[in-house]
Each structure stands twice: as structure tokens, then as C-alpha cells.
Amino acid sequence: MINPLRPVGAAFLAFLEAAGRLVLFTFAGVSHCFRPPFYGRILIRQMIDIGYFTLPVVGLTAIFAGMVLALQSFTGFARFSAEGAIANVVVISLTRELGPVLGGLMVAGRIGAAMAAEIGTMRVTEQIDALTTISTNPMKYLVAPRLIAGVVMMPLVVLIADIIGIFGGYLVAVYKLGFNPANYLQSTWEFMTAHDVVSGLVKASVFGFIICLMGCYHGYNSKGGAQGVGRATTNAVVSASILILCFDYILTEAFFTKNVG
């Protein structure tokens, strides 16, 4: 009777072991973010990678998300003669949810994979061991700058994505659906609140931390040559995407449960 349950127990123990390694890795990485020495050049390079080189893909995603959202809202609200609420739906959806989530998923695919591949290659080619040999802490040199850059730059990326997405909704509403430009902009401005924007930026900061943590963790613990680096890259993107969706619900619950009640 015990044999059929053995795989289940083994899988559960493996999960607990992996979770424990991740928790210890997280504490080690976060602790090094606040202790000198700090590698400013590496931090700036990571901030440029996360903040600048991801803007094209995030901006393209945001503008089409805003355009589709405006078009779909018009199609649905026309049944109830509530077309005037399109601007409100676009701004609240983008600032609260679509901007942070879509931006986070795009950055996970763009940056999380790159971090896992870079650090994983350093691991399998023993470059990380070489850092230890020259008295350079790999966690401080490789992990801490990426965590700081992710937390700092993701809100800026998402803020720009929100603006681009709202502009995409404006283009569809004005030039395809025939809305008055001044009225649409006024409705957007009046309905947008600081709470919606700030909640989205807090989500973006958390998502940035998750993306960089998963990329660094899977790359740092990769093994098995080129195939191991490939697995680490895939696992980094998949785990970051799943955690983004999970923490999106948790943060939404924290920010907006009182309003629902």
C-alpha cells in the first residue's frame, strides 16, 4: 500500500527542497542589496537593459492592448447604450491590471530569459567559481544589482506602458469610433485616480523583483552544460510568469478588497 504513494511523497519532498533553496537564495540576494560594496557600473547596465531595451516590446504590447480594449468595450457597451464609459474602462484596466501584468510578462520573456542564460553560462563554464577565487562574492556581483534594477526600473517601464496603452485607446476611440477628442481626454483624466496608478506601479515593482529573482536563481543553479542552460532559461520564464499571475491576485486582493466590501 505504501509503494503507490511513494512517488507522491517524493514529489512533495522535492518541492519542499526547491522551495527552501529558493527562500534561502532570496534572503541571500536581498541581504546583499543593502551591504557594500556596490557595483555601480553593473547596476547601471542592468537598469539600461531592463528599462530601455524592453521599451519597444512593452510599448508595442501596450498600444495594441489599449486599442483592442477600446474596441471590445465599445462592442459590449453599445448593447447597453453606455459607450461613454469606454475611456473609464480603458484607463482603469490599463493602470490597474493590463499595464503591470502584460509588461511583466513581456519583460519576463525578454529579460528573465537573458539573465538565466547569462548566469547559467557563467555557471557551466565555471566563471562563477572564478569570481569566488578572486574574492568576489557572486551573489553581490551578479544577483544584487539585477534585483535592485528590476525593482527600480519596472515601475518606470509600466508607467510608460500605461501612457502608451491609453494613447492606443484614444486613437481607436477618436479616429475609428468617432468620439470627441476633448471629451474623451477629459473623461480619462477625471476618472483616473492616484490609487489606481500607484497600485499598478507597486505591482510592477514586485513583478520586477520576481522576474530578476527567477532569472538569477535558475541561472545560478543551472548544471549540465548547454542543455542545463536551456532548461534554466525555460524554467525562469515559466516560473516568473506563474508567480506574476499569482502575486497579481494577491496584490489586487490587498489593494481593492476594502473597496469591494
Protein backbone atom coordinates (compact mmCIF):
# COMPACT_ATOMS: atom_id res chain seq x y z
CA MET A 1 0.00 0.00 0.00
CA ILE A 2 2.95 2.33 0.55
CA ASN A 3 4.52 1.89 -2.90
CA PRO A 4 1.79 3.78 -4.85
CA LEU A 5 2.19 6.76 -2.51
CA ARG A 6 5.98 6.83 -2.77
CA PRO A 7 6.08 9.00 -5.97
CA VAL A 8 3.69 11.48 -4.39
CA GLY A 9 5.82 11.78 -1.28
CA ALA A 10 9.00 12.07 -3.32
CA ALA A 11 7.49 14.84 -5.44
CA PHE A 12 6.28 16.68 -2.33
CA LEU A 13 9.69 16.44 -0.67
CA ALA A 14 11.37 17.64 -3.86
CA PHE A 15 9.00 20.61 -3.94
CA LEU A 16 9.81 21.48 -0.32
CA GLU A 17 13.52 21.20 -1.05
CA ALA A 18 13.26 23.50 -4.07
CA ALA A 19 11.15 25.99 -2.11
CA GLY A 20 13.71 26.01 0.69
CA ARG A 21 16.56 26.65 -1.74
CA LEU A 22 14.61 29.50 -3.31
CA VAL A 23 13.86 31.10 0.06
CA LEU A 24 17.50 30.92 1.13
CA PHE A 25 18.61 32.30 -2.23
CA THR A 26 16.10 35.15 -1.92
CA PHE A 27 17.27 36.11 1.57
CA ALA A 28 20.90 35.99 0.48
CA GLY A 29 20.26 38.13 -2.59
CA VAL A 30 18.18 40.72 -0.74
CA SER A 31 20.69 40.98 2.09
CA HIS A 32 23.50 41.78 -0.35
CA CYS A 33 21.41 44.60 -1.83
CA PHE A 34 21.93 46.61 1.36
CA ARG A 35 25.55 45.79 2.17
CA PRO A 36 28.64 47.28 0.50
CA PRO A 37 30.48 47.05 -1.76
CA PHE A 38 28.10 48.12 -4.51
CA TYR A 39 28.91 47.60 -8.19
CA GLY A 40 27.55 50.76 -9.77
CA ARG A 41 28.56 50.03 -13.36
CA ILE A 42 26.83 46.66 -13.34
CA LEU A 43 23.74 48.20 -11.75
CA ILE A 44 23.54 50.91 -14.41
CA ARG A 45 23.98 48.36 -17.18
CA GLN A 46 21.16 46.23 -15.78
CA MET A 47 18.92 49.28 -15.40
CA ILE A 48 19.50 50.14 -19.06
CA ASP A 49 18.78 46.55 -20.11
CA ILE A 50 15.55 46.40 -18.14
CA GLY A 51 14.35 49.96 -18.64
CA TYR A 52 15.49 50.90 -22.13
CA PHE A 53 15.82 47.76 -24.22
CA THR A 54 12.45 46.39 -23.13
CA LEU A 55 10.52 49.53 -24.09
CA PRO A 56 9.91 48.55 -27.75
CA VAL A 57 8.26 45.22 -26.96
CA VAL A 58 6.38 46.55 -23.91
CA GLY A 59 5.23 49.67 -25.76
CA LEU A 60 4.03 47.65 -28.76
CA THR A 61 2.14 45.31 -26.46
CA ALA A 62 0.59 48.21 -24.53
CA ILE A 63 -0.62 50.21 -27.53
CA PHE A 64 -2.36 47.22 -29.10
CA ALA A 65 -3.81 46.22 -25.73
CA GLY A 66 -5.30 49.70 -25.38
CA MET A 67 -6.64 49.65 -28.92
CA VAL A 68 -8.24 46.23 -28.55
CA LEU A 69 -9.65 47.15 -25.13
CA ALA A 70 -11.33 50.26 -26.52
CA LEU A 71 -12.76 48.35 -29.47
CA GLN A 72 -14.07 45.47 -27.38
CA SER A 73 -15.51 47.84 -24.76
CA PHE A 74 -17.40 49.71 -27.44
CA THR A 75 -18.78 46.45 -28.84
CA GLY A 76 -20.02 45.38 -25.42
CA PHE A 77 -21.23 48.72 -24.07
CA ALA A 78 -23.15 49.53 -27.25
CA ARG A 79 -25.70 46.91 -26.20
CA PHE A 80 -26.50 48.97 -23.10
CA SER A 81 -26.04 52.46 -24.61
CA ALA A 82 -23.05 53.02 -22.30
CA GLU A 83 -20.42 53.91 -24.89
CA GLY A 84 -19.37 56.92 -22.83
CA ALA A 85 -17.74 54.63 -20.26
CA ILE A 86 -15.11 53.39 -22.70
CA ALA A 87 -12.49 55.91 -21.55
CA ASN A 88 -13.08 54.91 -17.94
CA VAL A 89 -12.70 51.21 -18.67
CA VAL A 90 -9.53 51.72 -20.70
CA VAL A 91 -7.75 53.82 -18.08
CA ILE A 92 -8.71 51.68 -15.08
CA SER A 93 -7.92 48.40 -16.85
CA LEU A 94 -4.52 49.55 -18.05
CA THR A 95 -3.34 51.22 -14.86
CA ARG A 96 -4.57 48.51 -12.51
CA GLU A 97 -4.07 45.28 -14.44
CA LEU A 98 -3.07 45.18 -18.08
CA GLY A 99 -0.12 47.55 -17.84
CA PRO A 100 1.66 45.75 -14.97
CA VAL A 101 0.72 42.20 -15.98
CA LEU A 102 1.39 42.42 -19.71
CA GLY A 103 4.51 44.49 -19.09
CA GLY A 104 5.72 41.96 -16.54
CA LEU A 105 5.12 39.01 -18.85
CA MET A 106 6.93 40.71 -21.72
CA VAL A 107 9.89 41.64 -19.53
CA ALA A 108 9.98 38.09 -18.16
CA GLY A 109 10.33 36.75 -21.68
CA ARG A 110 12.88 39.39 -22.66
CA ILE A 111 14.99 39.94 -19.52
CA GLY A 112 14.30 36.91 -17.35
CA ALA A 113 15.43 34.57 -20.10
CA ALA A 114 18.52 36.67 -20.81
CA MET A 115 19.54 36.71 -17.13
CA ALA A 116 19.10 32.96 -16.77
CA ALA A 117 21.08 32.30 -19.95
CA GLU A 118 23.90 34.67 -19.00
CA ILE A 119 24.32 33.48 -15.41
CA GLY A 120 23.73 29.85 -16.42
CA THR A 121 26.50 30.07 -19.00
CA MET A 122 28.79 31.54 -16.36
CA ARG A 123 27.91 28.65 -14.05
CA VAL A 124 28.56 25.83 -16.52
CA THR A 125 31.80 27.46 -17.74
CA GLU A 126 32.95 27.87 -14.11
CA GLN A 127 33.15 31.66 -14.32
CA ILE A 128 31.15 31.93 -11.08
CA ASP A 129 33.72 29.75 -9.36
CA ALA A 130 36.40 32.05 -10.75
CA LEU A 131 34.66 35.03 -9.11
CA THR A 132 34.88 33.28 -5.76
CA THR A 133 38.57 32.55 -6.40
CA ILE A 134 39.32 36.25 -6.82
CA SER A 135 37.42 37.09 -3.61
CA THR A 136 34.34 38.48 -5.38
CA ASN A 137 31.01 37.39 -3.94
CA PRO A 138 28.88 36.07 -6.85
CA MET A 139 25.64 36.98 -5.08
CA LYS A 140 26.75 40.56 -4.64
CA TYR A 141 28.29 40.84 -8.12
CA LEU A 142 25.63 39.03 -10.18
CA VAL A 143 22.36 38.88 -8.21
CA ALA A 144 22.08 42.04 -6.11
CA PRO A 145 22.47 44.57 -9.00
CA ARG A 146 19.83 42.74 -11.03
CA LEU A 147 17.35 42.66 -8.14
CA ILE A 148 17.80 46.38 -7.49
CA ALA A 149 17.49 47.22 -11.19
CA GLY A 150 14.30 45.17 -11.53
CA VAL A 151 12.61 46.82 -8.55
CA VAL A 152 13.60 50.33 -9.65
CA MET A 153 13.06 50.17 -13.42
CA MET A 154 9.90 48.09 -13.79
CA PRO A 155 7.60 50.84 -12.41
CA LEU A 156 9.07 53.27 -14.96
CA VAL A 157 8.54 50.79 -17.77
CA VAL A 158 4.95 50.12 -16.69
CA LEU A 159 4.22 53.84 -16.31
CA ILE A 160 5.31 54.42 -19.91
CA ALA A 161 3.28 51.37 -20.97
CA ASP A 162 0.19 52.83 -19.27
CA ILE A 163 0.59 56.10 -21.18
CA ILE A 164 1.11 54.29 -24.49
CA GLY A 165 -1.85 51.99 -23.87
CA ILE A 166 -4.17 54.88 -23.01
CA PHE A 167 -2.99 56.61 -26.17
CA GLY A 168 -3.84 53.48 -28.16
CA GLY A 169 -7.36 53.52 -26.75
CA TYR A 170 -7.61 57.22 -27.61
CA LEU A 171 -6.63 56.55 -31.23
CA VAL A 172 -9.31 53.90 -31.69
CA ALA A 173 -11.99 55.88 -29.83
CA VAL A 174 -11.38 59.12 -31.74
CA TYR A 175 -10.41 58.02 -35.23
CA LYS A 176 -12.45 54.83 -35.57
CA LEU A 177 -15.39 55.15 -33.19
CA GLY A 178 -15.95 58.89 -33.66
CA PHE A 179 -15.51 60.14 -30.09
CA ASN A 180 -14.84 63.80 -29.42
CA PRO A 181 -11.11 64.10 -28.54
CA ALA A 182 -11.57 66.72 -25.82
CA ASN A 183 -14.41 64.85 -24.14
CA TYR A 184 -12.51 61.56 -24.25
CA LEU A 185 -9.40 63.07 -22.68
CA GLN A 186 -11.44 64.87 -20.04
CA SER A 187 -13.27 61.68 -19.12
CA THR A 188 -9.98 59.81 -18.89
CA TRP A 189 -8.42 62.45 -16.66
CA GLU A 190 -11.42 62.77 -14.36
CA PHE A 191 -11.81 59.02 -13.83
CA MET A 192 -8.12 58.23 -13.31
CA THR A 193 -7.13 58.21 -9.63
CA ALA A 194 -3.76 58.19 -7.93
CA HIS A 195 -4.70 54.97 -6.13
CA ASP A 196 -5.13 53.12 -9.43
CA VAL A 197 -1.79 54.32 -10.78
CA VAL A 198 0.13 53.70 -7.56
CA SER A 199 -1.30 50.20 -7.14
CA GLY A 200 -0.17 49.36 -10.67
CA LEU A 201 3.32 50.71 -10.03
CA VAL A 202 3.63 48.73 -6.80
CA LYS A 203 2.64 45.62 -8.71
CA ALA A 204 5.27 46.46 -11.33
CA SER A 205 7.96 46.76 -8.67
CA VAL A 206 7.03 43.38 -7.20
CA PHE A 207 6.93 41.82 -10.67
CA GLY A 208 10.36 43.26 -11.45
CA PHE A 209 11.76 41.63 -8.33
CA ILE A 210 10.15 38.30 -9.23
CA ILE A 211 11.47 38.38 -12.81
CA CYS A 212 15.04 39.12 -11.79
CA LEU A 213 14.92 36.67 -8.88
CA MET A 214 13.73 33.81 -11.08
CA GLY A 215 16.25 34.61 -13.80
CA CYS A 216 19.13 34.74 -11.34
CA TYR A 217 18.01 31.72 -9.33
CA HIS A 218 17.59 29.33 -12.24
CA GLY A 219 20.73 30.56 -13.96
CA TYR A 220 22.78 30.37 -10.76
CA ASN A 221 21.70 26.79 -10.08
CA SER A 222 21.88 25.50 -13.64
CA LYS A 223 24.00 22.47 -14.43
CA GLY A 224 24.55 20.02 -17.24
CA GLY A 225 26.15 22.12 -19.96
CA ALA A 226 24.18 23.69 -22.81
CA GLN A 227 21.06 21.63 -22.09
CA GLY A 228 21.13 22.79 -18.48
CA VAL A 229 21.30 26.41 -19.58
CA GLY A 230 18.33 25.83 -21.88
CA ARG A 231 16.31 24.29 -19.05
CA ALA A 232 17.25 27.15 -16.74
CA THR A 233 16.09 29.70 -19.32
CA THR A 234 12.76 27.95 -19.83
CA ASN A 235 12.20 27.46 -16.10
CA ALA A 236 13.00 31.13 -15.41
CA VAL A 237 10.38 32.40 -17.86
CA VAL A 238 7.70 29.89 -16.85
CA SER A 239 8.17 30.32 -13.08
CA ALA A 240 8.30 34.11 -13.36
CA SER A 241 5.11 34.18 -15.45
CA ILE A 242 3.25 31.93 -12.99
CA LEU A 243 4.40 33.94 -9.98
CA ILE A 244 3.42 37.20 -11.68
CA LEU A 245 -0.13 35.95 -12.13
CA CYS A 246 -0.27 34.59 -8.57
CA PHE A 247 1.05 37.76 -6.97
CA ASP A 248 -1.22 39.84 -9.21
CA TYR A 249 -4.19 38.31 -7.46
CA ILE A 250 -2.61 38.66 -4.01
CA LEU A 251 -1.79 42.35 -4.56
CA THR A 252 -5.21 43.04 -6.08
CA GLU A 253 -6.79 41.45 -3.03
CA ALA A 254 -4.66 43.65 -0.78
CA PHE A 255 -5.36 46.90 -2.64
CA PHE A 256 -9.02 46.61 -3.57
CA THR A 257 -10.77 44.28 -1.10
CA LYS A 258 -11.87 47.20 1.07
CA ASN A 259 -13.39 48.94 -1.92
CA VAL A 260 -15.37 45.81 -2.78
CA GLY A 261 -16.56 45.44 0.81
